[in-house]
Amino acid sequence: MKKMIKPFAAILTAVMTLGLLGACAYKPQTKTENERVNVTDGLLPQVIERKASYIRKTKNGEWELEKAEVLKWELSQADIPDAVRIISSDDAKALYPALDDSFKGQKATVYLRFNDDISSVSATVSKGTDGSSTMDVKMSGTADVVFSSGGGKMKIDGVKILGAVINADGSTDLKIDIGQGEAVLKAPAKVKNAGLKDFMAAQSDTFITNESFKDLTKFEVTSSCVKRGTWDKKIANEGGKTSPDLKWDKVDGASKYVVIMIDGNWLHMDVFTTETSLAEGAYNRRGGEGAEFVGPYPPLGSTHTYSVFVFALKGEPGKNAFFFDAGGNNISDIYNGLDTDKSGGKGNVIAYGRLDGNYTNK
């Protein structure tokens, strides 16, 4: 009898233990919240107000979204003008169906910059036959586009924007006209937000991306001759050949400033000055070294970047590495020459500023 009691007691203990564990087991928790979500990674920025239900399955686990009911879906209109988007796809034909079949399966990247003439924007949310919601967007204006695929690059300015449809999955069908009638650019749910310089670099054949001196203190350089990243035609050779006005803040410890305008490796300007500004047209001629300017003249149909670098110097540089109105220049070599003082020591450049502007020979 005693032999039977021990196994029975062990089983009873196990059953009681399991019962206690069951009673103490964590019960999943749920919560419901009204949320306002800013969608910033789509082609068109949106604001969604939703009723979201969350669940936490373990005691210290993360809250997981179970379901969400959209209460309000709006377009963030103010964030569209001047916005820059980078759209990538593994299939250029799927991205822009109007392309011929030779683009099928080719990778493609589109840089799109909405211009500041975007207007008449309105949006209506409707439900399809499958119950999913779409947002129909009406808008007018233009965008500039750089399309790259298969090693080639196509630049189209002033693409007409006719409207858009934002799908329930976040993807966007942008209705455009590049001069051949309405077509659709099919952007995925997630695209990359970019800045003006990203677009300028994609558009240009000569944008300088590497600066050996980028860790130096920087200051701002401005000019009324640059608008939305583009130089005014009056500074170009086919314009008025007028040197641009430039302005920057005084740098403590600087005895002079050297102003360089360079197109890739082609030097268009070198000016030595003790002032912190240059008047428009002050150097609309060829002078001696340290007072020279020649306007942009890129090849017909091409876009080049004319970058102005202003270097603040402690004293006289030991050497100049300038080849005016010629190739063979390198901005890092120019900097190294200016950074070397008369005694051969380094550290003559205290700080620098940079201003970029593209110019297209149309």
Protein backbone atom coordinates (compact mmCIF):
# COMPACT_ATOMS: atom_id res chain seq x y z
CA MET A 1 0.00 0.00 0.00
CA LYS A 2 2.86 2.39 0.89
CA LYS A 3 4.45 1.65 -2.48
CA MET A 4 1.27 2.84 -4.25
CA ILE A 5 0.93 6.01 -2.13
CA LYS A 6 4.29 7.50 -3.19
CA PRO A 7 3.61 7.45 -6.97
CA PHE A 8 0.10 8.77 -6.39
CA ALA A 9 1.45 11.64 -4.24
CA ALA A 10 4.01 12.53 -6.92
CA ILE A 11 1.32 12.63 -9.61
CA LEU A 12 -0.94 14.75 -7.41
CA THR A 13 1.90 17.20 -6.74
CA ALA A 14 2.63 17.49 -10.46
CA VAL A 15 -1.02 18.11 -11.29
CA MET A 16 -1.28 20.81 -8.62
CA THR A 17 1.93 22.44 -9.84
CA LEU A 18 0.67 22.55 -13.43
CA GLY A 19 -2.60 24.00 -12.19
CA LEU A 20 -0.81 26.76 -10.33
CA LEU A 21 1.39 27.49 -13.35
CA GLY A 22 -1.71 27.66 -15.52
CA ALA A 23 -3.32 30.07 -13.09
CA CYS A 24 -0.21 32.26 -13.10
CA ALA A 25 0.38 32.13 -16.90
CA TYR A 26 0.59 35.53 -18.65
CA LYS A 27 -2.58 36.54 -20.43
CA PRO A 28 -2.00 38.59 -23.60
CA GLN A 29 -2.88 42.25 -23.16
CA THR A 30 -4.60 44.44 -25.72
CA LYS A 31 -5.04 48.17 -26.11
CA THR A 32 -6.67 50.51 -28.59
CA GLU A 33 -5.38 53.99 -29.44
CA ASN A 34 -6.28 56.80 -31.82
CA GLU A 35 -3.13 57.75 -33.71
CA ARG A 36 -1.93 60.37 -36.17
CA VAL A 37 0.69 58.97 -38.56
CA ASN A 38 2.80 61.11 -40.89
CA VAL A 39 3.70 59.10 -43.98
CA THR A 40 6.98 60.62 -45.17
CA ASP A 41 8.46 57.72 -47.12
CA GLY A 42 5.89 57.69 -49.93
CA LEU A 43 6.04 59.61 -53.19
CA LEU A 44 3.42 62.05 -51.91
CA PRO A 45 3.41 62.91 -48.17
CA GLN A 46 0.24 61.94 -46.31
CA VAL A 47 -1.33 62.20 -42.87
CA ILE A 48 -3.38 59.25 -41.60
CA GLU A 49 -5.58 59.29 -38.51
CA ARG A 50 -6.42 55.74 -37.44
CA LYS A 51 -7.86 53.61 -34.65
CA ALA A 52 -5.18 51.03 -33.93
CA SER A 53 -5.44 47.83 -31.87
CA TYR A 54 -2.25 46.44 -30.30
CA ILE A 55 -1.44 43.19 -28.50
CA ARG A 56 1.40 42.24 -26.16
CA LYS A 57 1.81 38.47 -26.11
CA THR A 58 4.49 38.16 -23.40
CA LYS A 59 5.02 40.03 -20.15
CA ASN A 60 7.99 42.07 -21.35
CA GLY A 61 7.26 41.81 -25.06
CA GLU A 62 6.72 44.55 -27.61
CA TRP A 63 3.28 45.86 -28.46
CA GLU A 64 2.35 44.50 -31.91
CA LEU A 65 -0.17 46.09 -34.27
CA GLU A 66 -3.12 43.72 -34.78
CA LYS A 67 -5.37 45.86 -36.92
CA ALA A 68 -5.98 49.47 -37.80
CA GLU A 69 -9.08 51.30 -38.95
CA VAL A 70 -8.43 54.44 -41.01
CA LEU A 71 -10.51 57.32 -39.71
CA LYS A 72 -9.06 60.10 -41.85
CA TRP A 73 -6.60 60.09 -44.78
CA GLU A 74 -5.26 63.36 -46.12
CA LEU A 75 -2.54 64.68 -48.37
CA SER A 76 0.15 66.89 -46.80
CA GLN A 77 -0.03 69.47 -49.58
CA ALA A 78 2.46 71.98 -48.19
CA ASP A 79 5.28 69.41 -48.35
CA ILE A 80 5.03 68.72 -52.10
CA PRO A 81 6.57 71.78 -53.85
CA ASP A 82 10.38 71.49 -54.08
CA ALA A 83 10.33 67.95 -52.63
CA VAL A 84 12.91 65.56 -54.10
CA ARG A 85 12.32 61.79 -54.32
CA ILE A 86 14.58 58.93 -55.40
CA ILE A 87 12.61 56.01 -56.87
CA SER A 88 14.41 52.71 -57.52
CA SER A 89 13.18 49.59 -59.28
CA ASP A 90 14.58 46.29 -60.52
CA ASP A 91 12.34 46.58 -63.59
CA ALA A 92 12.36 49.84 -65.53
CA LYS A 93 9.42 48.72 -67.66
CA ALA A 94 7.28 48.06 -64.57
CA LEU A 95 8.27 51.44 -63.16
CA TYR A 96 7.32 53.28 -66.34
CA PRO A 97 5.19 51.04 -68.61
CA ALA A 98 5.43 53.51 -71.52
CA LEU A 99 9.03 52.35 -72.10
CA ASP A 100 9.69 49.80 -74.83
CA ASP A 101 10.27 46.14 -73.95
CA SER A 102 14.08 46.47 -74.09
CA PHE A 103 13.89 48.02 -70.60
CA LYS A 104 12.09 45.00 -69.11
CA GLY A 105 14.08 43.56 -66.20
CA GLN A 106 16.63 46.41 -66.20
CA LYS A 107 17.33 48.29 -63.00
CA ALA A 108 16.31 51.92 -63.01
CA THR A 109 16.54 54.96 -60.77
CA VAL A 110 14.41 58.07 -61.06
CA TYR A 111 15.30 61.36 -59.37
CA LEU A 112 12.17 63.50 -59.30
CA ARG A 113 11.97 67.09 -58.07
CA PHE A 114 8.53 68.69 -57.81
CA ASN A 115 8.78 72.33 -58.85
CA ASP A 116 7.33 75.22 -56.88
CA ASP A 117 4.51 75.69 -59.40
CA ILE A 118 2.56 72.73 -57.99
CA SER A 119 -0.98 74.01 -57.37
CA SER A 120 -4.70 73.14 -57.45
CA VAL A 121 -4.04 70.17 -55.19
CA SER A 122 -7.04 68.24 -53.89
CA ALA A 123 -7.60 64.66 -52.75
CA THR A 124 -10.63 62.37 -52.53
CA VAL A 125 -10.67 59.02 -50.76
CA SER A 126 -12.83 56.28 -52.24
CA LYS A 127 -13.27 52.52 -51.86
CA GLY A 128 -12.84 49.99 -54.61
CA THR A 129 -14.96 46.90 -55.26
CA ASP A 130 -12.61 44.86 -53.06
CA GLY A 131 -13.18 47.22 -50.14
CA SER A 132 -9.70 48.74 -50.21
CA SER A 133 -9.32 52.52 -50.13
CA THR A 134 -7.53 54.67 -52.68
CA MET A 135 -6.78 58.37 -52.72
CA ASP A 136 -7.41 60.18 -55.99
CA VAL A 137 -5.20 63.27 -56.20
CA LYS A 138 -5.78 66.18 -58.52
CA MET A 139 -2.87 68.55 -59.02
CA SER A 140 -1.17 70.63 -61.69
CA GLY A 141 2.36 71.85 -62.13
CA THR A 142 5.68 70.47 -63.26
CA ALA A 143 8.59 68.36 -62.08
CA ASP A 144 12.16 67.87 -63.26
CA VAL A 145 13.22 64.27 -63.78
CA VAL A 146 16.50 62.38 -64.17
CA PHE A 147 16.00 58.79 -65.35
CA SER A 148 18.94 56.36 -65.24
CA SER A 149 18.90 52.80 -66.57
CA GLY A 150 21.31 50.48 -68.34
CA GLY A 151 24.19 52.92 -67.99
CA GLY A 152 22.29 55.72 -69.72
CA LYS A 153 20.83 58.90 -68.30
CA MET A 154 17.94 61.00 -69.53
CA LYS A 155 17.10 64.44 -68.14
CA ILE A 156 13.66 65.96 -68.67
CA ASP A 157 12.77 69.39 -67.30
CA GLY A 158 9.22 70.62 -66.96
CA VAL A 159 7.42 67.26 -66.92
CA LYS A 160 3.69 67.97 -66.56
CA ILE A 161 2.06 66.56 -63.41
CA LEU A 162 -1.56 65.64 -64.13
CA GLY A 163 -2.56 63.89 -60.90
CA ALA A 164 -2.03 60.67 -58.95
CA VAL A 165 -3.65 57.66 -57.34
CA ILE A 166 -2.32 56.51 -53.96
CA ASN A 167 -3.16 52.85 -53.44
CA ALA A 168 -4.03 51.09 -50.18
CA ASP A 169 -0.58 49.44 -50.07
CA GLY A 170 1.09 52.89 -50.18
CA SER A 171 2.25 52.69 -53.79
CA THR A 172 1.50 55.67 -56.05
CA ASP A 173 0.56 55.91 -59.71
CA LEU A 174 1.76 59.37 -60.76
CA LYS A 175 0.10 60.65 -63.92
CA ILE A 176 2.58 62.59 -66.04
CA ASP A 177 3.08 63.94 -69.55
CA ILE A 178 6.58 64.27 -71.00
CA GLY A 179 5.18 65.59 -74.27
CA GLN A 180 3.79 62.33 -75.61
CA GLY A 181 0.42 62.24 -73.84
CA GLU A 182 -0.57 60.92 -70.42
CA ALA A 183 1.52 58.11 -68.95
CA VAL A 184 2.00 56.64 -65.47
CA LEU A 185 5.07 56.47 -63.24
CA LYS A 186 4.41 53.60 -60.81
CA ALA A 187 6.26 54.39 -57.57
CA PRO A 188 6.52 51.77 -54.80
CA ALA A 189 5.22 52.36 -51.28
CA LYS A 190 8.62 53.39 -50.00
CA VAL A 191 10.85 55.86 -51.83
CA LYS A 192 13.85 57.80 -50.57
CA ASN A 193 13.48 61.42 -49.51
CA ALA A 194 16.37 63.46 -50.84
CA GLY A 195 17.60 67.03 -50.98
CA LEU A 196 18.31 69.55 -53.69
CA LYS A 197 22.00 68.61 -53.81
CA ASP A 198 21.12 64.96 -54.45
CA PHE A 199 19.05 66.02 -57.45
CA MET A 200 21.75 68.40 -58.68
CA ALA A 201 24.37 65.65 -58.47
CA ALA A 202 22.13 63.25 -60.44
CA GLN A 203 21.40 65.90 -63.06
CA SER A 204 25.02 67.01 -63.51
CA ASP A 205 27.98 65.45 -65.28
CA THR A 206 30.56 67.28 -63.15
CA PHE A 207 29.27 67.52 -59.57
CA ILE A 208 32.17 67.35 -57.08
CA THR A 209 31.36 64.80 -54.38
CA ASN A 210 34.73 64.35 -52.68
CA GLU A 211 36.41 67.09 -50.67
CA SER A 212 39.66 66.21 -48.93
CA PHE A 213 39.06 69.20 -46.62
CA LYS A 214 35.43 68.46 -45.67
CA ASP A 215 36.29 68.27 -41.94
CA LEU A 216 37.24 71.96 -41.88
CA THR A 217 34.91 74.51 -40.29
CA LYS A 218 32.30 75.55 -42.86
CA PHE A 219 30.49 78.82 -43.47
CA GLU A 220 27.63 79.76 -45.77
CA VAL A 221 28.12 81.35 -49.19
CA THR A 222 25.14 82.97 -50.94
CA SER A 223 24.39 84.60 -54.30
CA SER A 224 21.31 86.14 -55.87
CA CYS A 225 22.46 84.55 -59.15
CA VAL A 226 21.55 81.05 -57.91
CA LYS A 227 17.89 80.09 -57.68
CA ARG A 228 16.77 76.57 -56.74
CA GLY A 229 20.21 75.21 -57.54
CA THR A 230 20.53 76.82 -60.98
CA TRP A 231 22.81 79.65 -62.08
CA ASP A 232 21.23 82.60 -63.85
CA LYS A 233 21.99 82.69 -67.57
CA LYS A 234 23.54 86.16 -67.24
CA ILE A 235 26.74 84.70 -65.77
CA ALA A 236 27.16 82.27 -68.69
CA ASN A 237 29.18 82.88 -71.84
CA GLU A 238 26.04 82.92 -74.00
CA GLY A 239 24.51 85.29 -71.42
CA GLY A 240 26.14 88.47 -70.21
CA LYS A 241 29.44 86.93 -69.00
CA THR A 242 28.77 88.70 -65.72
CA SER A 243 30.52 87.39 -62.62
CA PRO A 244 28.05 86.52 -59.85
CA ASP A 245 27.56 88.46 -56.65
CA LEU A 246 28.79 86.46 -53.65
CA LYS A 247 28.52 86.99 -49.91
CA TRP A 248 29.79 85.20 -46.81
CA ASP A 249 30.38 85.84 -43.11
CA LYS A 250 33.67 87.15 -41.76
CA VAL A 251 35.93 84.43 -40.36
CA ASP A 252 37.92 85.29 -37.23
CA GLY A 253 41.65 85.14 -37.85
CA ALA A 254 41.39 85.35 -41.64
CA SER A 255 43.53 87.95 -43.41
CA LYS A 256 42.15 87.19 -46.88
CA TYR A 257 39.78 85.00 -48.86
CA VAL A 258 40.29 83.08 -52.08
CA VAL A 259 37.22 82.55 -54.27
CA ILE A 260 37.28 79.65 -56.70
CA MET A 261 34.63 78.66 -59.24
CA ILE A 262 35.25 75.25 -60.76
CA ASP A 263 33.37 72.98 -63.13
CA GLY A 264 34.69 69.52 -62.31
CA ASN A 265 38.32 70.22 -63.18
CA TRP A 266 37.82 73.38 -65.27
CA LEU A 267 38.66 76.61 -63.47
CA HIS A 268 36.26 79.50 -64.16
CA MET A 269 37.18 81.92 -61.40
CA ASP A 270 40.00 82.76 -59.01
CA VAL A 271 39.74 85.92 -56.94
CA PHE A 272 41.83 87.05 -53.94
CA THR A 273 40.08 89.54 -51.67
CA THR A 274 40.10 90.92 -48.14
CA GLU A 275 36.36 91.64 -48.34
CA THR A 276 33.50 89.30 -47.44
CA SER A 277 31.50 89.95 -50.60
CA LEU A 278 31.90 90.39 -54.34
CA ALA A 279 29.62 92.67 -56.35
CA GLU A 280 27.86 91.34 -59.42
CA GLY A 281 29.90 91.99 -62.55
CA ALA A 282 33.08 92.93 -60.67
CA TYR A 283 35.11 90.39 -62.69
CA ASN A 284 33.46 90.21 -66.09
CA ARG A 285 36.80 90.15 -67.80
CA ARG A 286 40.06 88.24 -67.83
CA GLY A 287 42.49 89.77 -65.38
CA GLY A 288 45.71 88.59 -63.84
CA GLU A 289 45.84 85.67 -61.44
CA GLY A 290 43.64 86.39 -58.44
CA ALA A 291 41.17 88.50 -60.46
CA GLU A 292 39.83 86.24 -63.20
CA PHE A 293 36.40 85.06 -64.30
CA VAL A 294 34.97 83.35 -67.37
CA GLY A 295 31.31 82.30 -67.56
CA PRO A 296 29.95 78.76 -67.90
CA TYR A 297 29.93 77.20 -71.36
CA PRO A 298 29.12 73.49 -71.06
CA PRO A 299 28.67 71.38 -74.21
CA LEU A 300 25.33 71.79 -75.95
CA GLY A 301 22.57 69.91 -74.15
CA SER A 302 24.66 68.99 -71.11
CA THR A 303 24.31 70.04 -67.48
CA HIS A 304 27.42 70.94 -65.48
CA THR A 305 27.84 72.07 -61.88
CA TYR A 306 29.71 75.32 -61.26
CA SER A 307 30.86 75.13 -57.64
CA VAL A 308 32.09 78.20 -55.78
CA PHE A 309 34.57 77.52 -52.97
CA VAL A 310 35.59 80.36 -50.67
CA PHE A 311 38.70 79.62 -48.57
CA ALA A 312 39.51 81.76 -45.50
CA LEU A 313 43.31 82.10 -45.16
CA LYS A 314 45.52 83.12 -42.23
CA GLY A 315 48.15 84.61 -44.49
CA GLU A 316 49.71 84.46 -47.93
CA PRO A 317 49.73 80.96 -49.47
CA GLY A 318 53.02 79.39 -50.40
CA LYS A 319 51.87 78.33 -53.87
CA ASN A 320 48.89 78.46 -56.20
CA ALA A 321 47.81 75.49 -58.31
CA PHE A 322 45.59 77.37 -60.79
CA PHE A 323 45.13 76.69 -64.51
CA PHE A 324 42.61 79.35 -65.47
CA ASP A 325 40.00 78.55 -68.13
CA ALA A 326 41.56 75.14 -68.60
CA GLY A 327 41.25 71.56 -67.40
CA GLY A 328 43.71 69.76 -65.18
CA ASN A 329 42.55 71.50 -62.01
CA ASN A 330 41.69 69.58 -58.87
CA ILE A 331 39.95 71.26 -55.96
CA SER A 332 41.96 69.24 -53.42
CA ASP A 333 45.23 70.30 -55.08
CA ILE A 334 44.05 73.93 -55.04
CA TYR A 335 43.24 73.59 -51.35
CA ASN A 336 46.61 71.99 -50.56
CA GLY A 337 48.41 74.86 -52.26
CA LEU A 338 46.44 77.48 -50.33
CA ASP A 339 46.81 75.54 -47.07
CA THR A 340 50.61 75.73 -47.34
CA ASP A 341 52.08 79.00 -46.04
CA LYS A 342 55.24 80.79 -47.20
CA SER A 343 57.35 78.73 -44.77
CA GLY A 344 55.99 75.46 -46.10
CA GLY A 345 53.83 74.84 -43.02
CA LYS A 346 50.30 73.48 -43.18
CA GLY A 347 47.10 74.91 -41.67
CA ASN A 348 46.91 78.19 -43.61
CA VAL A 349 43.23 77.56 -44.51
CA ILE A 350 41.04 78.22 -41.46
CA ALA A 351 37.59 77.48 -42.91
CA TYR A 352 35.73 77.28 -46.17
CA GLY A 353 32.31 77.73 -47.77
CA ARG A 354 30.71 76.15 -50.80
CA LEU A 355 27.89 77.15 -53.14
CA ASP A 356 26.74 74.88 -55.99
CA GLY A 357 24.69 75.74 -59.02
CA ASN A 358 23.91 73.77 -62.16
CA TYR A 359 23.83 75.23 -65.63
CA THR A 360 22.45 73.61 -68.80
CA ASN A 361 23.42 74.73 -72.27
CA LYS A 362 20.07 74.54 -74.06
